[in-house]
ModelCIF file with pLDDT and N, C-alpha, C, O atoms, coordinates in Angstrom:
data_MODEL
#
_entry.id   MODEL 
#
_entity.id                         1 
_entity.type                       polymer 
_entity.pdbx_number_of_molecules   1 
#
_entity_poly.entity_id                      1 
_entity_poly.type                           'polypeptide(L)' 
_entity_poly.nstd_linkage                   no 
_entity_poly.nstd_monomer                   no 
_entity_poly.pdbx_seq_one_letter_code       TMVLATIGGAVTGKGRAQRAADLAAISSVRSMRDDAPRLL 
_entity_poly.pdbx_seq_one_letter_code_can   TMVLATIGGAVTGKGRAQRAADLAAISSVRSMRDDAPRLL 
_entity_poly.pdbx_strand_id                 A 
#
loop_
_entity_poly_seq.entity_id 
_entity_poly_seq.num 
_entity_poly_seq.mon_id 
_entity_poly_seq.hetero 
1 1  THR n 
1 2  MET n 
1 3  VAL n 
1 4  LEU n 
1 5  ALA n 
1 6  THR n 
1 7  ILE n 
1 8  GLY n 
1 9  GLY n 
1 10 ALA n 
1 11 VAL n 
1 12 THR n 
1 13 GLY n 
1 14 LYS n 
1 15 GLY n 
1 16 ARG n 
1 17 ALA n 
1 18 GLN n 
1 19 ARG n 
1 20 ALA n 
1 21 ALA n 
1 22 ASP n 
1 23 LEU n 
1 24 ALA n 
1 25 ALA n 
1 26 ILE n 
1 27 SER n 
1 28 SER n 
1 29 VAL n 
1 30 ARG n 
1 31 SER n 
1 32 MET n 
1 33 ARG n 
1 34 ASP n 
1 35 ASP n 
1 36 ALA n 
1 37 PRO n 
1 38 ARG n 
1 39 LEU n 
1 40 LEU n 
#
_struct_asym.id          A 
_struct_asym.entity_id   1 
#
loop_
_ma_qa_metric.id 
_ma_qa_metric.mode 
_ma_qa_metric.name 
_ma_qa_metric.software_group_id 
_ma_qa_metric.type 
1 global pLDDT . pLDDT 
2 local  pLDDT . pLDDT 
#
_ma_qa_metric_global.metric_id      1 
_ma_qa_metric_global.metric_value   68.45 
_ma_qa_metric_global.model_id       1 
_ma_qa_metric_global.ordinal_id     1 
#
loop_
_ma_qa_metric_local.label_asym_id 
_ma_qa_metric_local.label_comp_id 
_ma_qa_metric_local.label_seq_id 
_ma_qa_metric_local.metric_id 
_ma_qa_metric_local.metric_value 
_ma_qa_metric_local.model_id 
_ma_qa_metric_local.ordinal_id 
A THR 1  2 36.00 1 1  
A MET 2  2 32.00 1 2  
A VAL 3  2 29.00 1 3  
A LEU 4  2 30.00 1 4  
A ALA 5  2 29.00 1 5  
A THR 6  2 29.00 1 6  
A ILE 7  2 32.00 1 7  
A GLY 8  2 34.00 1 8  
A GLY 9  2 33.00 1 9  
A ALA 10 2 34.00 1 10 
A VAL 11 2 37.00 1 11 
A THR 12 2 45.00 1 12 
A GLY 13 2 50.00 1 13 
A LYS 14 2 63.00 1 14 
A GLY 15 2 69.00 1 15 
A ARG 16 2 74.00 1 16 
A ALA 17 2 76.00 1 17 
A GLN 18 2 82.00 1 18 
A ARG 19 2 84.00 1 19 
A ALA 20 2 84.00 1 20 
A ALA 21 2 87.00 1 21 
A ASP 22 2 88.00 1 22 
A LEU 23 2 89.00 1 23 
A ALA 24 2 89.00 1 24 
A ALA 25 2 89.00 1 25 
A ILE 26 2 90.00 1 26 
A SER 27 2 90.00 1 27 
A SER 28 2 90.00 1 28 
A VAL 29 2 89.00 1 29 
A ARG 30 2 89.00 1 30 
A SER 31 2 90.00 1 31 
A MET 32 2 88.00 1 32 
A ARG 33 2 87.00 1 33 
A ASP 34 2 87.00 1 34 
A ASP 35 2 86.00 1 35 
A ALA 36 2 86.00 1 36 
A PRO 37 2 85.00 1 37 
A ARG 38 2 86.00 1 38 
A LEU 39 2 86.00 1 39 
A LEU 40 2 85.00 1 40 
#
loop_
_atom_site.group_PDB 
_atom_site.id 
_atom_site.type_symbol 
_atom_site.label_atom_id 
_atom_site.label_alt_id 
_atom_site.label_comp_id 
_atom_site.label_asym_id 
_atom_site.label_entity_id 
_atom_site.label_seq_id 
_atom_site.pdbx_PDB_ins_code 
_atom_site.Cartn_x 
_atom_site.Cartn_y 
_atom_site.Cartn_z 
_atom_site.occupancy 
_atom_site.B_iso_or_equiv 
_atom_site.pdbx_formal_charge 
_atom_site.auth_seq_id 
_atom_site.auth_comp_id 
_atom_site.auth_asym_id 
_atom_site.auth_atom_id 
_atom_site.pdbx_PDB_model_num 
ATOM 1   N N  . THR A 1 1  ? 243.477 119.143 -12.694 1.00 36.00 ? 1  THR A N  1 
ATOM 2   C CA . THR A 1 1  ? 241.878 118.521 -12.940 1.00 36.00 ? 1  THR A CA 1 
ATOM 3   C C  . THR A 1 1  ? 241.676 117.988 -11.553 1.00 36.00 ? 1  THR A C  1 
ATOM 4   O O  . THR A 1 1  ? 242.498 117.857 -10.646 1.00 36.00 ? 1  THR A O  1 
ATOM 5   N N  . MET A 1 2  ? 240.619 117.758 -11.587 1.00 32.00 ? 2  MET A N  1 
ATOM 6   C CA . MET A 1 2  ? 239.997 116.631 -10.691 1.00 32.00 ? 2  MET A CA 1 
ATOM 7   C C  . MET A 1 2  ? 239.302 115.375 -11.195 1.00 32.00 ? 2  MET A C  1 
ATOM 8   O O  . MET A 1 2  ? 238.885 115.099 -12.320 1.00 32.00 ? 2  MET A O  1 
ATOM 9   N N  . VAL A 1 3  ? 239.292 114.752 -10.160 1.00 29.00 ? 3  VAL A N  1 
ATOM 10  C CA . VAL A 1 3  ? 239.034 113.045 -10.513 1.00 29.00 ? 3  VAL A CA 1 
ATOM 11  C C  . VAL A 1 3  ? 237.176 113.356 -10.701 1.00 29.00 ? 3  VAL A C  1 
ATOM 12  O O  . VAL A 1 3  ? 236.491 113.912 -9.842  1.00 29.00 ? 3  VAL A O  1 
ATOM 13  N N  . LEU A 1 4  ? 236.585 112.750 -12.248 1.00 30.00 ? 4  LEU A N  1 
ATOM 14  C CA . LEU A 1 4  ? 235.319 113.434 -11.935 1.00 30.00 ? 4  LEU A CA 1 
ATOM 15  C C  . LEU A 1 4  ? 234.117 111.846 -11.971 1.00 30.00 ? 4  LEU A C  1 
ATOM 16  O O  . LEU A 1 4  ? 234.150 110.747 -12.523 1.00 30.00 ? 4  LEU A O  1 
ATOM 17  N N  . ALA A 1 5  ? 233.231 112.526 -11.104 1.00 29.00 ? 5  ALA A N  1 
ATOM 18  C CA . ALA A 1 5  ? 231.992 111.069 -11.144 1.00 29.00 ? 5  ALA A CA 1 
ATOM 19  C C  . ALA A 1 5  ? 232.715 109.588 -10.696 1.00 29.00 ? 5  ALA A C  1 
ATOM 20  O O  . ALA A 1 5  ? 232.789 108.810 -11.648 1.00 29.00 ? 5  ALA A O  1 
ATOM 21  N N  . THR A 1 6  ? 233.071 109.247 -9.856  1.00 29.00 ? 6  THR A N  1 
ATOM 22  C CA . THR A 1 6  ? 233.942 108.249 -9.593  1.00 29.00 ? 6  THR A CA 1 
ATOM 23  C C  . THR A 1 6  ? 232.770 107.196 -9.142  1.00 29.00 ? 6  THR A C  1 
ATOM 24  O O  . THR A 1 6  ? 231.908 107.793 -8.497  1.00 29.00 ? 6  THR A O  1 
ATOM 25  N N  . ILE A 1 7  ? 232.476 105.722 -9.307  1.00 32.00 ? 7  ILE A N  1 
ATOM 26  C CA . ILE A 1 7  ? 231.049 105.304 -9.690  1.00 32.00 ? 7  ILE A CA 1 
ATOM 27  C C  . ILE A 1 7  ? 231.467 103.881 -8.480  1.00 32.00 ? 7  ILE A C  1 
ATOM 28  O O  . ILE A 1 7  ? 232.529 103.273 -8.610  1.00 32.00 ? 7  ILE A O  1 
ATOM 29  N N  . GLY A 1 8  ? 230.408 103.507 -7.309  1.00 34.00 ? 8  GLY A N  1 
ATOM 30  C CA . GLY A 1 8  ? 230.984 102.262 -6.790  1.00 34.00 ? 8  GLY A CA 1 
ATOM 31  C C  . GLY A 1 8  ? 229.546 101.471 -6.788  1.00 34.00 ? 8  GLY A C  1 
ATOM 32  O O  . GLY A 1 8  ? 228.456 102.010 -6.597  1.00 34.00 ? 8  GLY A O  1 
ATOM 33  N N  . GLY A 1 9  ? 229.818 99.808  -7.089  1.00 33.00 ? 9  GLY A N  1 
ATOM 34  C CA . GLY A 1 9  ? 228.464 99.324  -6.953  1.00 33.00 ? 9  GLY A CA 1 
ATOM 35  C C  . GLY A 1 9  ? 227.911 99.062  -8.298  1.00 33.00 ? 9  GLY A C  1 
ATOM 36  O O  . GLY A 1 9  ? 227.907 99.917  -9.184  1.00 33.00 ? 9  GLY A O  1 
ATOM 37  N N  . ALA A 1 10 ? 227.364 97.659  -8.460  1.00 34.00 ? 10 ALA A N  1 
ATOM 38  C CA . ALA A 1 10 ? 226.543 97.741  -9.607  1.00 34.00 ? 10 ALA A CA 1 
ATOM 39  C C  . ALA A 1 10 ? 225.279 98.540  -9.825  1.00 34.00 ? 10 ALA A C  1 
ATOM 40  O O  . ALA A 1 10 ? 224.623 99.108  -8.952  1.00 34.00 ? 10 ALA A O  1 
ATOM 41  N N  . VAL A 1 11 ? 225.010 98.493  -11.272 1.00 37.00 ? 11 VAL A N  1 
ATOM 42  C CA . VAL A 1 11 ? 224.202 99.568  -11.797 1.00 37.00 ? 11 VAL A CA 1 
ATOM 43  C C  . VAL A 1 11 ? 223.072 99.377  -12.548 1.00 37.00 ? 11 VAL A C  1 
ATOM 44  O O  . VAL A 1 11 ? 222.047 100.020 -12.776 1.00 37.00 ? 11 VAL A O  1 
ATOM 45  N N  . THR A 1 12 ? 223.620 98.121  -12.933 1.00 45.00 ? 12 THR A N  1 
ATOM 46  C CA . THR A 1 12 ? 222.605 97.519  -13.952 1.00 45.00 ? 12 THR A CA 1 
ATOM 47  C C  . THR A 1 12 ? 222.138 96.342  -14.019 1.00 45.00 ? 12 THR A C  1 
ATOM 48  O O  . THR A 1 12 ? 221.565 96.058  -12.967 1.00 45.00 ? 12 THR A O  1 
ATOM 49  N N  . GLY A 1 13 ? 222.118 95.503  -14.790 1.00 50.00 ? 13 GLY A N  1 
ATOM 50  C CA . GLY A 1 13 ? 221.648 93.899  -14.841 1.00 50.00 ? 13 GLY A CA 1 
ATOM 51  C C  . GLY A 1 13 ? 221.685 92.925  -13.754 1.00 50.00 ? 13 GLY A C  1 
ATOM 52  O O  . GLY A 1 13 ? 220.775 92.211  -13.335 1.00 50.00 ? 13 GLY A O  1 
ATOM 53  N N  . LYS A 1 14 ? 223.085 93.037  -13.310 1.00 63.00 ? 14 LYS A N  1 
ATOM 54  C CA . LYS A 1 14 ? 223.570 92.204  -12.138 1.00 63.00 ? 14 LYS A CA 1 
ATOM 55  C C  . LYS A 1 14 ? 222.730 92.332  -10.807 1.00 63.00 ? 14 LYS A C  1 
ATOM 56  O O  . LYS A 1 14 ? 222.249 91.363  -10.219 1.00 63.00 ? 14 LYS A O  1 
ATOM 57  N N  . GLY A 1 15 ? 222.616 93.608  -10.417 1.00 69.00 ? 15 GLY A N  1 
ATOM 58  C CA . GLY A 1 15 ? 221.813 94.007  -9.480  1.00 69.00 ? 15 GLY A CA 1 
ATOM 59  C C  . GLY A 1 15 ? 220.480 93.778  -9.705  1.00 69.00 ? 15 GLY A C  1 
ATOM 60  O O  . GLY A 1 15 ? 219.706 93.771  -8.748  1.00 69.00 ? 15 GLY A O  1 
ATOM 61  N N  . ARG A 1 16 ? 219.991 93.541  -11.116 1.00 74.00 ? 16 ARG A N  1 
ATOM 62  C CA . ARG A 1 16 ? 218.135 93.216  -11.151 1.00 74.00 ? 16 ARG A CA 1 
ATOM 63  C C  . ARG A 1 16 ? 217.563 91.999  -10.971 1.00 74.00 ? 16 ARG A C  1 
ATOM 64  O O  . ARG A 1 16 ? 216.576 91.657  -10.320 1.00 74.00 ? 16 ARG A O  1 
ATOM 65  N N  . ALA A 1 17 ? 218.817 91.014  -12.072 1.00 76.00 ? 17 ALA A N  1 
ATOM 66  C CA . ALA A 1 17 ? 218.901 90.004  -11.761 1.00 76.00 ? 17 ALA A CA 1 
ATOM 67  C C  . ALA A 1 17 ? 219.083 89.351  -10.049 1.00 76.00 ? 17 ALA A C  1 
ATOM 68  O O  . ALA A 1 17 ? 218.356 88.391  -9.798  1.00 76.00 ? 17 ALA A O  1 
ATOM 69  N N  . GLN A 1 18 ? 219.892 89.783  -9.064  1.00 82.00 ? 18 GLN A N  1 
ATOM 70  C CA . GLN A 1 18 ? 220.086 89.591  -7.551  1.00 82.00 ? 18 GLN A CA 1 
ATOM 71  C C  . GLN A 1 18 ? 219.025 89.784  -6.689  1.00 82.00 ? 18 GLN A C  1 
ATOM 72  O O  . GLN A 1 18 ? 218.884 89.019  -5.735  1.00 82.00 ? 18 GLN A O  1 
ATOM 73  N N  . ARG A 1 19 ? 218.027 90.969  -6.945  1.00 84.00 ? 19 ARG A N  1 
ATOM 74  C CA . ARG A 1 19 ? 217.008 91.483  -6.329  1.00 84.00 ? 19 ARG A CA 1 
ATOM 75  C C  . ARG A 1 19 ? 216.069 90.879  -6.535  1.00 84.00 ? 19 ARG A C  1 
ATOM 76  O O  . ARG A 1 19 ? 215.293 90.918  -5.581  1.00 84.00 ? 19 ARG A O  1 
ATOM 77  N N  . ALA A 1 20 ? 215.513 89.932  -7.893  1.00 84.00 ? 20 ALA A N  1 
ATOM 78  C CA . ALA A 1 20 ? 214.625 89.056  -8.430  1.00 84.00 ? 20 ALA A CA 1 
ATOM 79  C C  . ALA A 1 20 ? 214.881 87.757  -7.626  1.00 84.00 ? 20 ALA A C  1 
ATOM 80  O O  . ALA A 1 20 ? 213.952 87.081  -7.186  1.00 84.00 ? 20 ALA A O  1 
ATOM 81  N N  . ALA A 1 21 ? 216.095 87.464  -7.469  1.00 87.00 ? 21 ALA A N  1 
ATOM 82  C CA . ALA A 1 21 ? 216.429 86.233  -6.840  1.00 87.00 ? 21 ALA A CA 1 
ATOM 83  C C  . ALA A 1 21 ? 216.035 86.634  -5.307  1.00 87.00 ? 21 ALA A C  1 
ATOM 84  O O  . ALA A 1 21 ? 215.492 85.629  -4.849  1.00 87.00 ? 21 ALA A O  1 
ATOM 85  N N  . ASP A 1 22 ? 216.056 87.314  -4.643  1.00 88.00 ? 22 ASP A N  1 
ATOM 86  C CA . ASP A 1 22 ? 216.344 87.825  -3.239  1.00 88.00 ? 22 ASP A CA 1 
ATOM 87  C C  . ASP A 1 22 ? 214.757 88.000  -2.973  1.00 88.00 ? 22 ASP A C  1 
ATOM 88  O O  . ASP A 1 22 ? 214.366 87.441  -1.948  1.00 88.00 ? 22 ASP A O  1 
ATOM 89  N N  . LEU A 1 23 ? 213.877 88.619  -3.656  1.00 89.00 ? 23 LEU A N  1 
ATOM 90  C CA . LEU A 1 23 ? 212.492 88.910  -3.570  1.00 89.00 ? 23 LEU A CA 1 
ATOM 91  C C  . LEU A 1 23 ? 211.797 87.491  -3.963  1.00 89.00 ? 23 LEU A C  1 
ATOM 92  O O  . LEU A 1 23 ? 210.808 87.188  -3.295  1.00 89.00 ? 23 LEU A O  1 
ATOM 93  N N  . ALA A 1 24 ? 212.173 86.685  -4.877  1.00 89.00 ? 24 ALA A N  1 
ATOM 94  C CA . ALA A 1 24 ? 211.348 85.061  -4.786  1.00 89.00 ? 24 ALA A CA 1 
ATOM 95  C C  . ALA A 1 24 ? 211.604 84.649  -3.687  1.00 89.00 ? 24 ALA A C  1 
ATOM 96  O O  . ALA A 1 24 ? 210.644 84.586  -2.919  1.00 89.00 ? 24 ALA A O  1 
ATOM 97  N N  . ALA A 1 25 ? 212.819 84.255  -3.221  1.00 89.00 ? 25 ALA A N  1 
ATOM 98  C CA . ALA A 1 25 ? 213.282 83.719  -1.690  1.00 89.00 ? 25 ALA A CA 1 
ATOM 99  C C  . ALA A 1 25 ? 212.624 84.397  -0.503  1.00 89.00 ? 25 ALA A C  1 
ATOM 100 O O  . ALA A 1 25 ? 212.455 83.725  0.514   1.00 89.00 ? 25 ALA A O  1 
ATOM 101 N N  . ILE A 1 26 ? 212.305 85.444  -0.530  1.00 90.00 ? 26 ILE A N  1 
ATOM 102 C CA . ILE A 1 26 ? 211.458 86.051  0.967   1.00 90.00 ? 26 ILE A CA 1 
ATOM 103 C C  . ILE A 1 26 ? 210.313 85.557  0.176   1.00 90.00 ? 26 ILE A C  1 
ATOM 104 O O  . ILE A 1 26 ? 209.865 84.754  0.995   1.00 90.00 ? 26 ILE A O  1 
ATOM 105 N N  . SER A 1 27 ? 209.493 85.474  -0.886  1.00 90.00 ? 27 SER A N  1 
ATOM 106 C CA . SER A 1 27 ? 208.366 85.610  -0.815  1.00 90.00 ? 27 SER A CA 1 
ATOM 107 C C  . SER A 1 27 ? 208.181 84.310  -0.620  1.00 90.00 ? 27 SER A C  1 
ATOM 108 O O  . SER A 1 27 ? 207.338 84.064  0.244   1.00 90.00 ? 27 SER A O  1 
ATOM 109 N N  . SER A 1 28 ? 208.852 83.081  -1.301  1.00 90.00 ? 28 SER A N  1 
ATOM 110 C CA . SER A 1 28 ? 208.187 81.533  -0.769  1.00 90.00 ? 28 SER A CA 1 
ATOM 111 C C  . SER A 1 28 ? 208.378 81.474  0.659   1.00 90.00 ? 28 SER A C  1 
ATOM 112 O O  . SER A 1 28 ? 207.441 80.969  1.277   1.00 90.00 ? 28 SER A O  1 
ATOM 113 N N  . VAL A 1 29 ? 209.584 81.957  1.475   1.00 89.00 ? 29 VAL A N  1 
ATOM 114 C CA . VAL A 1 29 ? 209.509 81.888  2.806   1.00 89.00 ? 29 VAL A CA 1 
ATOM 115 C C  . VAL A 1 29 ? 208.266 82.505  3.263   1.00 89.00 ? 29 VAL A C  1 
ATOM 116 O O  . VAL A 1 29 ? 207.520 81.801  3.944   1.00 89.00 ? 29 VAL A O  1 
ATOM 117 N N  . ARG A 1 30 ? 207.835 84.010  2.931   1.00 89.00 ? 30 ARG A N  1 
ATOM 118 C CA . ARG A 1 30 ? 206.947 84.577  3.580   1.00 89.00 ? 30 ARG A CA 1 
ATOM 119 C C  . ARG A 1 30 ? 205.891 83.630  3.350   1.00 89.00 ? 30 ARG A C  1 
ATOM 120 O O  . ARG A 1 30 ? 205.145 83.694  4.327   1.00 89.00 ? 30 ARG A O  1 
ATOM 121 N N  . SER A 1 31 ? 205.503 82.842  2.581   1.00 90.00 ? 31 SER A N  1 
ATOM 122 C CA . SER A 1 31 ? 204.097 82.050  2.232   1.00 90.00 ? 31 SER A CA 1 
ATOM 123 C C  . SER A 1 31 ? 204.486 80.735  3.132   1.00 90.00 ? 31 SER A C  1 
ATOM 124 O O  . SER A 1 31 ? 203.453 80.139  3.437   1.00 90.00 ? 31 SER A O  1 
ATOM 125 N N  . MET A 1 32 ? 205.464 80.209  3.561   1.00 88.00 ? 32 MET A N  1 
ATOM 126 C CA . MET A 1 32 ? 205.863 79.142  3.973   1.00 88.00 ? 32 MET A CA 1 
ATOM 127 C C  . MET A 1 32 ? 205.410 79.556  5.553   1.00 88.00 ? 32 MET A C  1 
ATOM 128 O O  . MET A 1 32 ? 204.548 79.039  6.263   1.00 88.00 ? 32 MET A O  1 
ATOM 129 N N  . ARG A 1 33 ? 206.109 80.419  5.763   1.00 87.00 ? 33 ARG A N  1 
ATOM 130 C CA . ARG A 1 33 ? 205.684 81.061  7.375   1.00 87.00 ? 33 ARG A CA 1 
ATOM 131 C C  . ARG A 1 33 ? 203.924 81.012  7.711   1.00 87.00 ? 33 ARG A C  1 
ATOM 132 O O  . ARG A 1 33 ? 203.210 80.470  8.555   1.00 87.00 ? 33 ARG A O  1 
ATOM 133 N N  . ASP A 1 34 ? 203.750 81.781  6.698   1.00 87.00 ? 34 ASP A N  1 
ATOM 134 C CA . ASP A 1 34 ? 202.092 81.952  6.944   1.00 87.00 ? 34 ASP A CA 1 
ATOM 135 C C  . ASP A 1 34 ? 201.146 80.954  7.051   1.00 87.00 ? 34 ASP A C  1 
ATOM 136 O O  . ASP A 1 34 ? 200.133 81.011  7.749   1.00 87.00 ? 34 ASP A O  1 
ATOM 137 N N  . ASP A 1 35 ? 201.636 79.657  6.054   1.00 86.00 ? 35 ASP A N  1 
ATOM 138 C CA . ASP A 1 35 ? 201.510 77.916  6.100   1.00 86.00 ? 35 ASP A CA 1 
ATOM 139 C C  . ASP A 1 35 ? 201.683 77.137  7.024   1.00 86.00 ? 35 ASP A C  1 
ATOM 140 O O  . ASP A 1 35 ? 200.915 76.189  7.184   1.00 86.00 ? 35 ASP A O  1 
ATOM 141 N N  . ALA A 1 36 ? 202.753 77.369  7.856   1.00 86.00 ? 36 ALA A N  1 
ATOM 142 C CA . ALA A 1 36 ? 203.115 76.649  9.155   1.00 86.00 ? 36 ALA A CA 1 
ATOM 143 C C  . ALA A 1 36 ? 202.068 76.214  9.753   1.00 86.00 ? 36 ALA A C  1 
ATOM 144 O O  . ALA A 1 36 ? 201.860 75.017  9.556   1.00 86.00 ? 36 ALA A O  1 
ATOM 145 N N  . PRO A 1 37 ? 201.295 76.772  10.446  1.00 85.00 ? 37 PRO A N  1 
ATOM 146 C CA . PRO A 1 37 ? 200.277 76.453  11.189  1.00 85.00 ? 37 PRO A CA 1 
ATOM 147 C C  . PRO A 1 37 ? 199.125 75.733  10.417  1.00 85.00 ? 37 PRO A C  1 
ATOM 148 O O  . PRO A 1 37 ? 198.487 74.970  11.142  1.00 85.00 ? 37 PRO A O  1 
ATOM 149 N N  . ARG A 1 38 ? 198.862 75.771  9.596   1.00 86.00 ? 38 ARG A N  1 
ATOM 150 C CA . ARG A 1 38 ? 197.885 74.643  8.728   1.00 86.00 ? 38 ARG A CA 1 
ATOM 151 C C  . ARG A 1 38 ? 198.590 73.410  8.683   1.00 86.00 ? 38 ARG A C  1 
ATOM 152 O O  . ARG A 1 38 ? 198.131 72.364  9.140   1.00 86.00 ? 38 ARG A O  1 
ATOM 153 N N  . LEU A 1 39 ? 199.949 73.544  8.015   1.00 86.00 ? 39 LEU A N  1 
ATOM 154 C CA . LEU A 1 39 ? 200.617 72.164  8.150   1.00 86.00 ? 39 LEU A CA 1 
ATOM 155 C C  . LEU A 1 39 ? 200.684 71.497  9.025   1.00 86.00 ? 39 LEU A C  1 
ATOM 156 O O  . LEU A 1 39 ? 200.327 70.322  8.936   1.00 86.00 ? 39 LEU A O  1 
ATOM 157 N N  . LEU A 1 40 ? 201.179 72.040  10.202  1.00 85.00 ? 40 LEU A N  1 
ATOM 158 C CA . LEU A 1 40 ? 201.209 71.542  11.618  1.00 85.00 ? 40 LEU A CA 1 
ATOM 159 C C  . LEU A 1 40 ? 199.426 71.112  12.213  1.00 85.00 ? 40 LEU A C  1 
ATOM 160 O O  . LEU A 1 40 ? 199.242 70.686  13.352  1.00 85.00 ? 40 LEU A O  1 
#
């Protein structure tokens, strides 16, 4: 017999929550970078 279909990495809700946090932080700093000349 051989080892079947080993899996690595998070595949469900944890990855979804982490992606949402990443995208929220990136979207915020993108807005800050675009608006920085107006703030200054």
